Amino acid sequence: MIGKYRVLEQIGEGGMATVFKAYDTQLEREVAIKMIRASAFPLEGLQNVLKRFEREAKALARLSHTHIISVIDYGELEGSPSLVMTYQPGGTLKQVMGFPMPWQQAARLLLPVARALEYAHQQGILHRDVKPSNILITQSGDPLLSDFGLAKILEIGEGHTLTASGISLGTPEYMAPEQGMGRDVDGRADLYALGVVLFELITGKKPFTADTPMAVIFKHNSEPLPSPLDVPP
């Protein structure tokens, strides 16, 4: 048990958090709990992170859109900042990728995601980490954006991030050039990342790859955008 939640299984793990499928014993429904690793933060920065987490979680909970996953609870569980969201058993977009998709199908799939981003930007909230693994697929085949604002939550303070601890605030293969360089970003960075996802859906490949994250970021900044037409259909 974690609070009122009975953990059923672990369904995901990354550098910054672990995700569990759980059962809400009060509301009697399945949920997903994302527990951020408190051990990843320096002790002197943890309280600031918790305060920012509460502020950002409240903002996320106010987002109400058909194609954004609902945050139904937040708080500190077992000493870790945690978000409780609706559980989606359909998996992620990443799990169904790896081969070229007709562009018409790819556009239909991502158009609801673009509309979800537009709505969030109108509310003053950036995603900062749009990528296939953060696009959930419902049982009816509709996309849902998840992990809104987590990169912002994980900032320790002005000008400081957790990249030194091995936690990436964003994913290099999908980062806009200004985000990869650590500059201030706005909604255009999310649109760039969505464009990378569209490229990958259509071609089956990411536009830029390299042996190291920094090399990928360098390519996004310095190399011309590849044409999907250069990839064999």
Protein backbone atom coordinates (compact mmCIF):
# COMPACT_ATOMS: atom_id res chain seq x y z
CA MET A 1 0.00 0.00 0.00
CA ILE A 2 1.09 3.57 -0.77
CA GLY A 3 -1.37 5.74 1.11
CA LYS A 4 -4.82 4.76 -0.13
CA TYR A 5 -3.39 3.14 -3.24
CA ARG A 6 -2.75 -0.60 -3.55
CA VAL A 7 0.17 -1.10 -5.92
CA LEU A 8 -0.55 -3.76 -8.54
CA GLU A 9 2.59 -3.67 -10.69
CA GLN A 10 5.42 -1.50 -11.94
CA ILE A 11 4.71 -0.38 -15.50
CA GLY A 12 7.56 2.02 -16.22
CA GLU A 13 10.90 3.31 -15.01
CA GLY A 14 13.18 6.12 -16.11
CA GLY A 15 16.02 8.24 -14.83
CA MET A 16 13.76 10.51 -12.81
CA ALA A 17 10.71 8.48 -11.85
CA THR A 18 9.01 5.11 -11.49
CA VAL A 19 5.45 4.50 -12.65
CA PHE A 20 3.11 2.04 -10.96
CA LYS A 21 -0.29 0.70 -11.83
CA ALA A 22 -2.34 0.90 -8.65
CA TYR A 23 -5.87 0.59 -7.30
CA ASP A 24 -7.53 3.51 -5.57
CA THR A 25 -9.26 1.81 -2.62
CA GLN A 26 -11.52 4.81 -1.98
CA LEU A 27 -12.73 5.58 -5.49
CA GLU A 28 -12.40 1.91 -6.51
CA ARG A 29 -10.62 2.42 -9.83
CA GLU A 30 -7.25 1.75 -11.39
CA VAL A 31 -4.78 4.63 -11.57
CA ALA A 32 -1.19 5.29 -12.61
CA ILE A 33 1.19 6.71 -10.01
CA LYS A 34 4.37 8.47 -11.14
CA MET A 35 6.76 8.70 -8.20
CA ILE A 36 9.69 11.06 -8.69
CA ARG A 37 12.90 9.85 -7.04
CA ALA A 38 13.63 12.15 -4.12
CA SER A 39 17.15 10.67 -3.95
CA ALA A 40 17.94 12.33 -7.29
CA PHE A 41 17.85 15.76 -5.68
CA PRO A 42 20.48 17.38 -3.45
CA LEU A 43 19.12 17.76 0.07
CA GLU A 44 19.51 21.53 0.00
CA GLY A 45 17.29 21.72 -3.10
CA LEU A 46 14.63 19.19 -2.17
CA GLN A 47 12.29 21.56 -0.34
CA ASN A 48 12.33 23.97 -3.27
CA VAL A 49 11.50 21.10 -5.59
CA LEU A 50 8.58 20.03 -3.40
CA LYS A 51 7.18 23.58 -3.34
CA ARG A 52 7.52 23.89 -7.10
CA PHE A 53 6.03 20.44 -7.55
CA GLU A 54 2.92 21.44 -5.61
CA ARG A 55 2.52 24.64 -7.60
CA GLU A 56 3.01 22.95 -10.96
CA ALA A 57 0.83 19.95 -10.05
CA LYS A 58 -2.06 22.28 -9.23
CA ALA A 59 -1.67 23.91 -12.63
CA LEU A 60 -1.59 20.52 -14.36
CA ALA A 61 -4.66 19.37 -12.48
CA ARG A 62 -6.55 22.35 -13.90
CA LEU A 63 -5.84 21.27 -17.48
CA SER A 64 -9.05 19.86 -18.90
CA HIS A 65 -8.71 18.58 -22.45
CA THR A 66 -9.85 15.44 -24.22
CA HIS A 67 -6.32 14.62 -25.33
CA ILE A 68 -4.39 15.44 -22.13
CA ILE A 69 -4.20 12.78 -19.44
CA SER A 70 -6.01 13.81 -16.27
CA VAL A 71 -4.08 14.43 -13.05
CA ILE A 72 -6.42 13.34 -10.27
CA ASP A 73 -4.16 13.64 -7.23
CA TYR A 74 -0.70 14.76 -6.20
CA GLY A 75 1.38 14.93 -3.08
CA GLU A 76 4.24 13.27 -1.27
CA LEU A 77 3.99 9.47 -1.15
CA GLU A 78 6.66 7.43 0.66
CA GLY A 79 8.79 10.59 0.76
CA SER A 80 8.66 11.14 -3.01
CA PRO A 81 6.76 13.80 -4.99
CA SER A 82 4.03 11.89 -6.83
CA LEU A 83 1.39 12.45 -9.46
CA VAL A 84 -1.68 10.22 -9.70
CA MET A 85 -3.24 10.01 -13.14
CA THR A 86 -5.93 8.05 -14.91
CA TYR A 87 -4.66 4.64 -16.00
CA GLN A 88 -4.52 3.94 -19.74
CA PRO A 89 -3.95 0.27 -20.66
CA GLY A 90 -3.34 0.93 -24.36
CA GLY A 91 0.41 1.63 -24.07
CA THR A 92 2.34 4.44 -25.74
CA LEU A 93 2.95 5.64 -29.28
CA LYS A 94 6.57 4.50 -28.95
CA GLN A 95 5.42 0.88 -28.67
CA VAL A 96 3.77 0.96 -32.09
CA MET A 97 6.52 2.83 -33.98
CA GLY A 98 9.53 1.64 -35.91
CA PHE A 99 8.16 1.42 -39.44
CA PRO A 100 7.02 4.11 -41.90
CA MET A 101 3.39 5.17 -41.56
CA PRO A 102 1.34 6.80 -44.37
CA TRP A 103 1.52 10.56 -43.85
CA GLN A 104 -2.27 10.88 -43.84
CA GLN A 105 -2.51 8.40 -40.95
CA ALA A 106 0.34 10.08 -39.07
CA ALA A 107 -1.27 13.52 -39.45
CA ARG A 108 -4.63 12.25 -38.22
CA LEU A 109 -2.93 10.66 -35.20
CA LEU A 110 -0.96 13.76 -34.19
CA LEU A 111 -3.55 16.46 -34.95
CA PRO A 112 -5.29 15.92 -31.55
CA VAL A 113 -1.86 16.19 -29.88
CA ALA A 114 -1.25 19.52 -31.63
CA ARG A 115 -4.62 20.77 -30.42
CA ALA A 116 -3.80 19.63 -26.88
CA LEU A 117 -0.52 21.57 -27.02
CA GLU A 118 -2.33 24.65 -28.32
CA TYR A 119 -4.75 24.46 -25.40
CA ALA A 120 -1.96 24.02 -22.84
CA HIS A 121 0.03 26.92 -24.28
CA GLN A 122 -3.05 29.11 -23.99
CA GLN A 123 -3.07 28.21 -20.28
CA GLY A 124 0.58 29.23 -20.01
CA ILE A 125 1.90 25.68 -19.61
CA LEU A 126 4.69 24.17 -21.72
CA HIS A 127 5.27 20.46 -22.08
CA ARG A 128 9.07 20.54 -22.70
CA ASP A 129 9.37 16.80 -23.41
CA VAL A 130 7.08 15.85 -26.31
CA LYS A 131 8.12 12.41 -27.54
CA PRO A 132 6.44 9.09 -28.48
CA SER A 133 6.73 7.59 -24.99
CA ASN A 134 4.83 10.58 -23.57
CA ILE A 135 1.94 10.09 -25.99
CA LEU A 136 -0.37 7.42 -24.59
CA ILE A 137 -2.83 5.52 -26.75
CA THR A 138 -6.31 4.81 -25.39
CA GLN A 139 -8.11 1.54 -26.00
CA SER A 140 -10.09 3.29 -28.75
CA GLY A 141 -6.85 4.39 -30.46
CA ASP A 142 -6.91 8.06 -29.47
CA PRO A 143 -3.72 9.84 -28.34
CA LEU A 144 -3.28 11.35 -24.88
CA LEU A 145 -0.42 13.65 -23.90
CA SER A 146 1.17 12.81 -20.55
CA ASP A 147 4.03 14.13 -18.38
CA PHE A 148 3.12 17.78 -18.84
CA GLY A 149 5.48 20.14 -17.06
CA LEU A 150 7.64 17.50 -15.37
CA ALA A 151 10.82 19.10 -16.67
CA LYS A 152 9.77 22.36 -15.02
CA ILE A 153 8.97 20.57 -11.78
CA LEU A 154 12.45 19.05 -11.73
CA GLU A 155 14.31 22.35 -11.87
CA ILE A 156 16.10 23.08 -8.63
CA GLY A 157 16.27 26.83 -9.02
CA GLU A 158 16.94 29.62 -11.45
CA GLY A 159 19.65 28.52 -13.83
CA HIS A 160 20.06 25.11 -12.21
CA THR A 161 18.78 21.80 -13.50
CA LEU A 162 19.40 18.17 -12.72
CA THR A 163 21.35 17.37 -15.84
CA ALA A 164 24.50 17.01 -13.73
CA SER A 165 22.79 14.13 -11.93
CA GLY A 166 22.12 12.31 -15.19
CA ILE A 167 18.50 13.44 -15.41
CA SER A 168 17.76 15.00 -18.75
CA LEU A 169 15.23 17.83 -18.83
CA GLY A 170 13.93 16.79 -22.20
CA THR A 171 15.08 14.20 -24.73
CA PRO A 172 17.91 15.24 -27.11
CA GLU A 173 16.49 13.51 -30.21
CA TYR A 174 13.34 15.64 -29.95
CA MET A 175 14.76 18.88 -28.53
CA ALA A 176 14.47 22.20 -30.31
CA PRO A 177 17.90 23.82 -30.80
CA GLU A 178 17.26 26.55 -28.21
CA GLN A 179 16.18 23.96 -25.62
CA GLY A 180 19.25 21.82 -26.25
CA MET A 181 21.43 24.86 -25.67
CA GLY A 182 19.75 25.59 -22.33
CA ARG A 183 18.10 28.81 -23.45
CA ASP A 184 14.63 30.03 -22.53
CA VAL A 185 11.91 28.27 -24.50
CA ASP A 186 8.29 28.89 -25.40
CA GLY A 187 5.58 26.92 -27.17
CA ARG A 188 7.61 26.70 -30.36
CA ALA A 189 9.93 24.18 -28.69
CA ASP A 190 6.96 21.85 -28.15
CA LEU A 191 5.92 22.28 -31.81
CA TYR A 192 9.46 21.44 -32.95
CA ALA A 193 9.39 18.25 -30.88
CA LEU A 194 6.01 17.31 -32.34
CA GLY A 195 7.47 17.85 -35.81
CA VAL A 196 10.27 15.41 -34.98
CA VAL A 197 7.65 12.86 -33.89
CA LEU A 198 5.80 13.38 -37.20
CA PHE A 199 9.05 12.90 -39.15
CA GLU A 200 9.73 9.68 -37.25
CA LEU A 201 6.19 8.39 -37.82
CA ILE A 202 6.39 8.99 -41.57
CA THR A 203 9.93 7.74 -42.18
CA GLY A 204 10.43 5.21 -39.39
CA LYS A 205 13.61 7.08 -38.39
CA LYS A 206 14.58 10.06 -36.24
CA PRO A 207 15.93 13.03 -38.22
CA PHE A 208 19.15 13.21 -36.17
CA THR A 209 21.02 10.46 -34.32
CA ALA A 210 24.52 10.26 -32.86
CA ASP A 211 26.60 8.34 -30.33
CA THR A 212 26.13 10.85 -27.51
CA PRO A 213 23.30 13.18 -26.40
CA MET A 214 25.49 16.26 -26.91
CA ALA A 215 26.29 15.18 -30.46
CA VAL A 216 22.56 14.91 -31.20
CA ILE A 217 21.97 18.39 -29.75
CA PHE A 218 24.84 19.72 -31.91
CA LYS A 219 23.24 18.25 -35.05
CA HIS A 220 19.89 19.88 -34.23
CA ASN A 221 21.72 23.19 -33.92
CA SER A 222 24.11 23.02 -36.87
CA GLU A 223 22.93 20.62 -39.58
CA PRO A 224 20.20 21.31 -42.15
CA LEU A 225 16.91 19.55 -41.54
CA PRO A 226 16.83 16.30 -43.51
CA SER A 227 14.05 15.79 -46.02
CA PRO A 228 11.67 12.85 -45.52
CA LEU A 229 11.99 12.35 -49.29
CA ASP A 230 15.62 11.31 -48.75
CA VAL A 231 14.45 8.28 -46.78
CA PRO A 232 13.43 5.34 -48.97
CA PRO A 233 9.63 5.00 -48.90
